[in-house]
């Protein structure tokens, strides 16, 4: 019994290590632009301004991890929702004086 538990635990550890070491999907500038619904120039500009996640440079090629781009989109979506809520809240507190 103990031997089976140890083997199962070792298998779980090996699976976790394989998942962590699996190659991550890299996106090209064109793929990032398509995903963000903007131009390639816009992606480069945002990268130059430091608004993009860190990129991976392979010689002249520039790539981003897909996971990082998705996280950026999630974070920006959340920030936009919060700003919208604040704007709506401030409009409710303003009273129109006639």
N, C-alpha and C. Protein backbone atom coordinates (compact mmCIF):
# COMPACT_ATOMS: atom_id res chain seq x y z
N UNK A 1 0.81 -1.20 0.00
CA UNK A 1 0.00 0.00 0.00
C UNK A 1 0.85 1.27 0.00
N UNK A 2 1.85 1.30 0.89
CA UNK A 2 2.70 2.48 0.98
C UNK A 2 3.46 2.69 -0.32
N UNK A 3 3.87 1.57 -0.92
CA UNK A 3 4.63 1.66 -2.17
C UNK A 3 3.77 2.26 -3.28
N UNK A 4 2.49 1.89 -3.31
CA UNK A 4 1.58 2.41 -4.34
C UNK A 4 1.36 3.91 -4.13
N UNK A 5 1.23 4.33 -2.88
CA UNK A 5 1.03 5.75 -2.58
C UNK A 5 2.25 6.56 -3.01
N UNK A 6 3.44 6.01 -2.73
CA UNK A 6 4.67 6.70 -3.11
C UNK A 6 4.76 6.81 -4.63
N UNK A 7 4.41 5.74 -5.34
CA UNK A 7 4.48 5.74 -6.79
C UNK A 7 3.49 6.76 -7.36
N UNK A 8 2.29 6.81 -6.80
CA UNK A 8 1.28 7.75 -7.27
C UNK A 8 1.74 9.18 -7.04
N UNK A 9 2.32 9.42 -5.87
CA UNK A 9 2.81 10.76 -5.55
C UNK A 9 3.94 11.15 -6.50
N UNK A 10 4.83 10.21 -6.81
CA UNK A 10 5.94 10.48 -7.72
C UNK A 10 5.41 10.78 -9.12
N UNK A 11 4.36 10.06 -9.54
CA UNK A 11 3.75 10.31 -10.85
C UNK A 11 3.14 11.70 -10.91
N UNK A 12 2.48 12.11 -9.83
CA UNK A 12 1.88 13.44 -9.77
C UNK A 12 2.95 14.53 -9.86
N UNK A 13 4.06 14.31 -9.17
CA UNK A 13 5.16 15.27 -9.21
C UNK A 13 5.73 15.36 -10.61
N UNK A 14 5.92 14.22 -11.27
CA UNK A 14 6.46 14.20 -12.63
C UNK A 14 5.52 14.91 -13.60
N UNK A 15 4.21 14.68 -13.46
CA UNK A 15 3.24 15.35 -14.32
C UNK A 15 3.29 16.87 -14.13
N UNK A 16 3.39 17.31 -12.90
CA UNK A 16 3.45 18.74 -12.61
C UNK A 16 4.71 19.35 -13.21
N UNK A 17 5.84 18.66 -13.08
CA UNK A 17 7.09 19.15 -13.65
C UNK A 17 7.00 19.24 -15.17
N UNK A 18 6.34 18.27 -15.80
CA UNK A 18 6.18 18.29 -17.26
C UNK A 18 5.32 19.47 -17.68
N UNK A 19 4.25 19.74 -16.93
CA UNK A 19 3.38 20.88 -17.25
C UNK A 19 4.14 22.19 -17.15
N UNK A 20 4.97 22.31 -16.12
CA UNK A 20 5.72 23.55 -15.90
C UNK A 20 6.79 23.75 -16.96
N UNK A 21 7.37 22.65 -17.45
CA UNK A 21 8.45 22.77 -18.42
C UNK A 21 7.95 22.72 -19.86
N UNK A 22 6.65 22.58 -20.04
CA UNK A 22 6.09 22.53 -21.40
C UNK A 22 6.32 23.87 -22.09
N UNK A 23 6.64 23.85 -23.38
CA UNK A 23 6.88 25.12 -24.08
C UNK A 23 5.61 25.96 -24.11
N UNK A 24 5.80 27.24 -23.90
CA UNK A 24 4.66 28.15 -23.89
C UNK A 24 4.44 28.70 -25.28
N UNK A 25 3.19 28.99 -25.60
CA UNK A 25 2.84 29.53 -26.91
C UNK A 25 3.35 30.95 -27.03
N UNK A 26 4.10 31.20 -28.09
CA UNK A 26 4.59 32.55 -28.36
C UNK A 26 3.78 33.15 -29.49
N UNK A 27 3.47 34.43 -29.37
CA UNK A 27 2.68 35.14 -30.37
C UNK A 27 3.54 36.14 -31.12
N UNK A 28 3.31 36.23 -32.42
CA UNK A 28 3.99 37.23 -33.23
C UNK A 28 3.32 38.59 -33.03
N UNK A 29 3.96 39.62 -33.57
CA UNK A 29 3.39 40.97 -33.48
C UNK A 29 2.03 40.99 -34.18
N UNK A 30 1.94 40.34 -35.34
CA UNK A 30 0.68 40.32 -36.08
C UNK A 30 -0.42 39.60 -35.29
N UNK A 31 -0.06 38.51 -34.62
CA UNK A 31 -1.06 37.78 -33.82
C UNK A 31 -1.52 38.61 -32.63
N UNK A 32 -0.59 39.30 -31.99
CA UNK A 32 -0.95 40.17 -30.86
C UNK A 32 -1.87 41.29 -31.35
N UNK A 33 -1.52 41.88 -32.49
CA UNK A 33 -2.34 42.97 -33.03
C UNK A 33 -3.75 42.47 -33.35
N UNK A 34 -3.85 41.29 -33.94
CA UNK A 34 -5.16 40.72 -34.25
C UNK A 34 -5.95 40.47 -32.98
N UNK A 35 -5.28 39.91 -31.96
CA UNK A 35 -5.96 39.60 -30.69
C UNK A 35 -6.43 40.87 -29.99
N UNK A 36 -5.65 41.94 -30.11
CA UNK A 36 -6.00 43.20 -29.44
C UNK A 36 -6.81 44.12 -30.34
N UNK A 37 -7.07 43.67 -31.56
CA UNK A 37 -7.86 44.44 -32.53
C UNK A 37 -7.26 45.83 -32.77
N UNK A 38 -5.95 45.83 -33.04
CA UNK A 38 -5.26 47.08 -33.34
C UNK A 38 -4.21 46.81 -34.43
N UNK A 39 -3.48 47.82 -34.80
CA UNK A 39 -2.47 47.67 -35.85
C UNK A 39 -1.16 47.15 -35.25
N UNK A 40 -0.31 46.64 -36.12
CA UNK A 40 1.02 46.20 -35.72
C UNK A 40 1.81 47.39 -35.18
N UNK A 41 1.65 48.54 -35.81
CA UNK A 41 2.33 49.76 -35.37
C UNK A 41 1.92 50.11 -33.94
N UNK A 42 0.65 49.95 -33.65
CA UNK A 42 0.14 50.23 -32.30
C UNK A 42 0.80 49.30 -31.27
N UNK A 43 0.96 48.04 -31.62
CA UNK A 43 1.60 47.08 -30.71
C UNK A 43 3.04 47.50 -30.45
N UNK A 44 3.77 47.83 -31.52
CA UNK A 44 5.15 48.29 -31.34
C UNK A 44 5.21 49.55 -30.50
N UNK A 45 4.31 50.50 -30.74
CA UNK A 45 4.29 51.76 -29.99
C UNK A 45 4.03 51.49 -28.51
N UNK A 46 3.04 50.65 -28.23
CA UNK A 46 2.73 50.34 -26.83
C UNK A 46 3.91 49.63 -26.17
N UNK A 47 4.59 48.79 -26.93
CA UNK A 47 5.77 48.10 -26.39
C UNK A 47 6.87 49.10 -26.07
N UNK A 48 7.10 50.04 -26.97
CA UNK A 48 8.13 51.07 -26.74
C UNK A 48 7.80 51.94 -25.53
N UNK A 49 6.52 52.16 -25.27
CA UNK A 49 6.09 52.96 -24.12
C UNK A 49 6.06 52.17 -22.81
N UNK A 50 6.34 50.88 -22.91
CA UNK A 50 6.35 50.03 -21.71
C UNK A 50 4.97 49.59 -21.27
N UNK A 51 3.99 49.66 -22.16
CA UNK A 51 2.61 49.29 -21.81
C UNK A 51 2.31 47.82 -22.09
N UNK A 52 3.25 47.13 -22.73
CA UNK A 52 3.06 45.71 -23.05
C UNK A 52 3.85 44.86 -22.06
N UNK A 53 3.48 43.59 -21.93
CA UNK A 53 4.29 42.70 -21.11
C UNK A 53 5.69 42.57 -21.73
N UNK A 54 6.66 42.12 -20.98
CA UNK A 54 8.00 41.96 -21.54
C UNK A 54 7.97 41.02 -22.75
N UNK A 55 8.67 41.42 -23.79
CA UNK A 55 8.71 40.60 -25.00
C UNK A 55 9.96 39.73 -24.99
N UNK A 56 9.96 38.77 -25.87
CA UNK A 56 11.10 37.89 -26.05
C UNK A 56 11.68 38.22 -27.42
N UNK A 57 12.94 38.59 -27.44
CA UNK A 57 13.59 38.92 -28.71
C UNK A 57 14.45 37.74 -29.14
N UNK A 58 14.19 37.27 -30.36
CA UNK A 58 14.97 36.20 -30.95
C UNK A 58 15.64 36.78 -32.20
N UNK A 59 16.79 37.38 -32.00
CA UNK A 59 17.42 38.10 -33.10
C UNK A 59 16.58 39.32 -33.43
N UNK A 60 16.08 39.39 -34.66
CA UNK A 60 15.23 40.51 -35.06
C UNK A 60 13.76 40.25 -34.77
N UNK A 61 13.44 39.02 -34.38
CA UNK A 61 12.04 38.66 -34.13
C UNK A 61 11.62 39.09 -32.73
N UNK A 62 10.36 39.47 -32.61
CA UNK A 62 9.80 39.86 -31.31
C UNK A 62 8.59 38.96 -31.07
N UNK A 63 8.54 38.37 -29.90
CA UNK A 63 7.44 37.47 -29.54
C UNK A 63 6.98 37.78 -28.12
N UNK A 64 5.71 37.48 -27.86
CA UNK A 64 5.14 37.58 -26.53
C UNK A 64 4.52 36.24 -26.17
N UNK A 65 4.55 35.93 -24.89
CA UNK A 65 3.87 34.71 -24.43
C UNK A 65 2.38 34.98 -24.46
N UNK A 66 1.64 34.04 -25.04
CA UNK A 66 0.19 34.20 -25.18
C UNK A 66 -0.47 34.41 -23.82
N UNK A 67 0.03 33.73 -22.83
CA UNK A 67 -0.52 33.87 -21.47
C UNK A 67 -0.38 35.30 -20.97
N UNK A 68 0.75 35.94 -21.26
CA UNK A 68 0.97 37.33 -20.83
C UNK A 68 0.01 38.29 -21.53
N UNK A 69 -0.24 38.04 -22.82
CA UNK A 69 -1.15 38.91 -23.57
C UNK A 69 -2.58 38.75 -23.04
N UNK A 70 -2.98 37.52 -22.77
CA UNK A 70 -4.33 37.29 -22.23
C UNK A 70 -4.48 37.95 -20.86
N UNK A 71 -3.44 37.88 -20.04
CA UNK A 71 -3.48 38.52 -18.73
C UNK A 71 -3.58 40.03 -18.88
N UNK A 72 -2.85 40.61 -19.83
CA UNK A 72 -2.93 42.05 -20.10
C UNK A 72 -4.36 42.44 -20.48
N UNK A 73 -4.98 41.67 -21.34
CA UNK A 73 -6.35 41.96 -21.77
C UNK A 73 -7.31 41.87 -20.60
N UNK A 74 -7.15 40.83 -19.77
CA UNK A 74 -8.02 40.69 -18.58
C UNK A 74 -7.86 41.88 -17.65
N UNK A 75 -6.60 42.27 -17.42
CA UNK A 75 -6.33 43.39 -16.51
C UNK A 75 -6.92 44.70 -17.05
N UNK A 76 -6.74 44.95 -18.34
CA UNK A 76 -7.28 46.18 -18.95
C UNK A 76 -8.80 46.17 -18.94
N UNK A 77 -9.40 45.01 -19.16
CA UNK A 77 -10.86 44.91 -19.11
C UNK A 77 -11.37 45.25 -17.71
N UNK A 78 -10.68 44.75 -16.70
CA UNK A 78 -11.07 45.02 -15.32
C UNK A 78 -10.90 46.51 -14.98
N UNK A 79 -9.78 47.10 -15.42
CA UNK A 79 -9.54 48.52 -15.18
C UNK A 79 -10.62 49.37 -15.84
N UNK A 80 -11.01 49.00 -17.06
CA UNK A 80 -12.05 49.75 -17.77
C UNK A 80 -13.39 49.66 -17.04
N UNK A 81 -13.71 48.48 -16.55
CA UNK A 81 -14.96 48.30 -15.83
C UNK A 81 -14.98 49.14 -14.56
N UNK A 82 -13.84 49.18 -13.87
CA UNK A 82 -13.76 49.97 -12.64
C UNK A 82 -13.90 51.46 -12.93
N UNK A 83 -13.27 51.93 -14.00
CA UNK A 83 -13.38 53.35 -14.37
C UNK A 83 -14.82 53.70 -14.73
N UNK A 84 -15.48 52.79 -15.44
CA UNK A 84 -16.88 53.02 -15.82
C UNK A 84 -17.76 53.12 -14.58
N UNK A 85 -17.55 52.22 -13.62
CA UNK A 85 -18.32 52.26 -12.38
C UNK A 85 -18.09 53.57 -11.64
N UNK A 86 -16.84 54.02 -11.59
CA UNK A 86 -16.54 55.28 -10.90
C UNK A 86 -17.20 56.46 -11.60
N UNK A 87 -17.18 56.45 -12.93
CA UNK A 87 -17.80 57.54 -13.69
C UNK A 87 -19.31 57.56 -13.46
N UNK A 88 -19.93 56.38 -13.44
CA UNK A 88 -21.37 56.31 -13.21
C UNK A 88 -21.70 56.75 -11.79
N UNK A 89 -20.85 56.38 -10.86
CA UNK A 89 -21.08 56.75 -9.46
C UNK A 89 -20.96 58.27 -9.28
N UNK A 90 -19.96 58.87 -9.94
CA UNK A 90 -19.79 60.32 -9.80
C UNK A 90 -20.91 61.08 -10.48
N UNK A 91 -21.49 60.53 -11.55
CA UNK A 91 -22.63 61.18 -12.21
C UNK A 91 -23.86 61.14 -11.32
N UNK A 92 -24.02 60.07 -10.58
CA UNK A 92 -25.17 59.96 -9.68
C UNK A 92 -25.07 60.95 -8.53
N UNK A 93 -23.84 61.20 -8.08
CA UNK A 93 -23.67 62.10 -6.93
C UNK A 93 -23.80 63.56 -7.33
N UNK A 94 -23.59 63.88 -8.61
CA UNK A 94 -23.74 65.26 -9.07
C UNK A 94 -25.23 65.57 -9.19
N UNK A 95 -25.61 66.70 -8.65
CA UNK A 95 -27.00 67.12 -8.75
C UNK A 95 -27.08 68.30 -9.69
N UNK A 96 -28.05 68.28 -10.51
CA UNK A 96 -28.25 69.36 -11.47
C UNK A 96 -29.00 70.48 -10.76
N UNK A 97 -28.41 71.68 -10.78
CA UNK A 97 -29.04 72.84 -10.16
C UNK A 97 -29.63 73.68 -11.28
N UNK A 98 -30.92 73.96 -11.18
CA UNK A 98 -31.60 74.75 -12.21
C UNK A 98 -31.83 76.15 -11.75
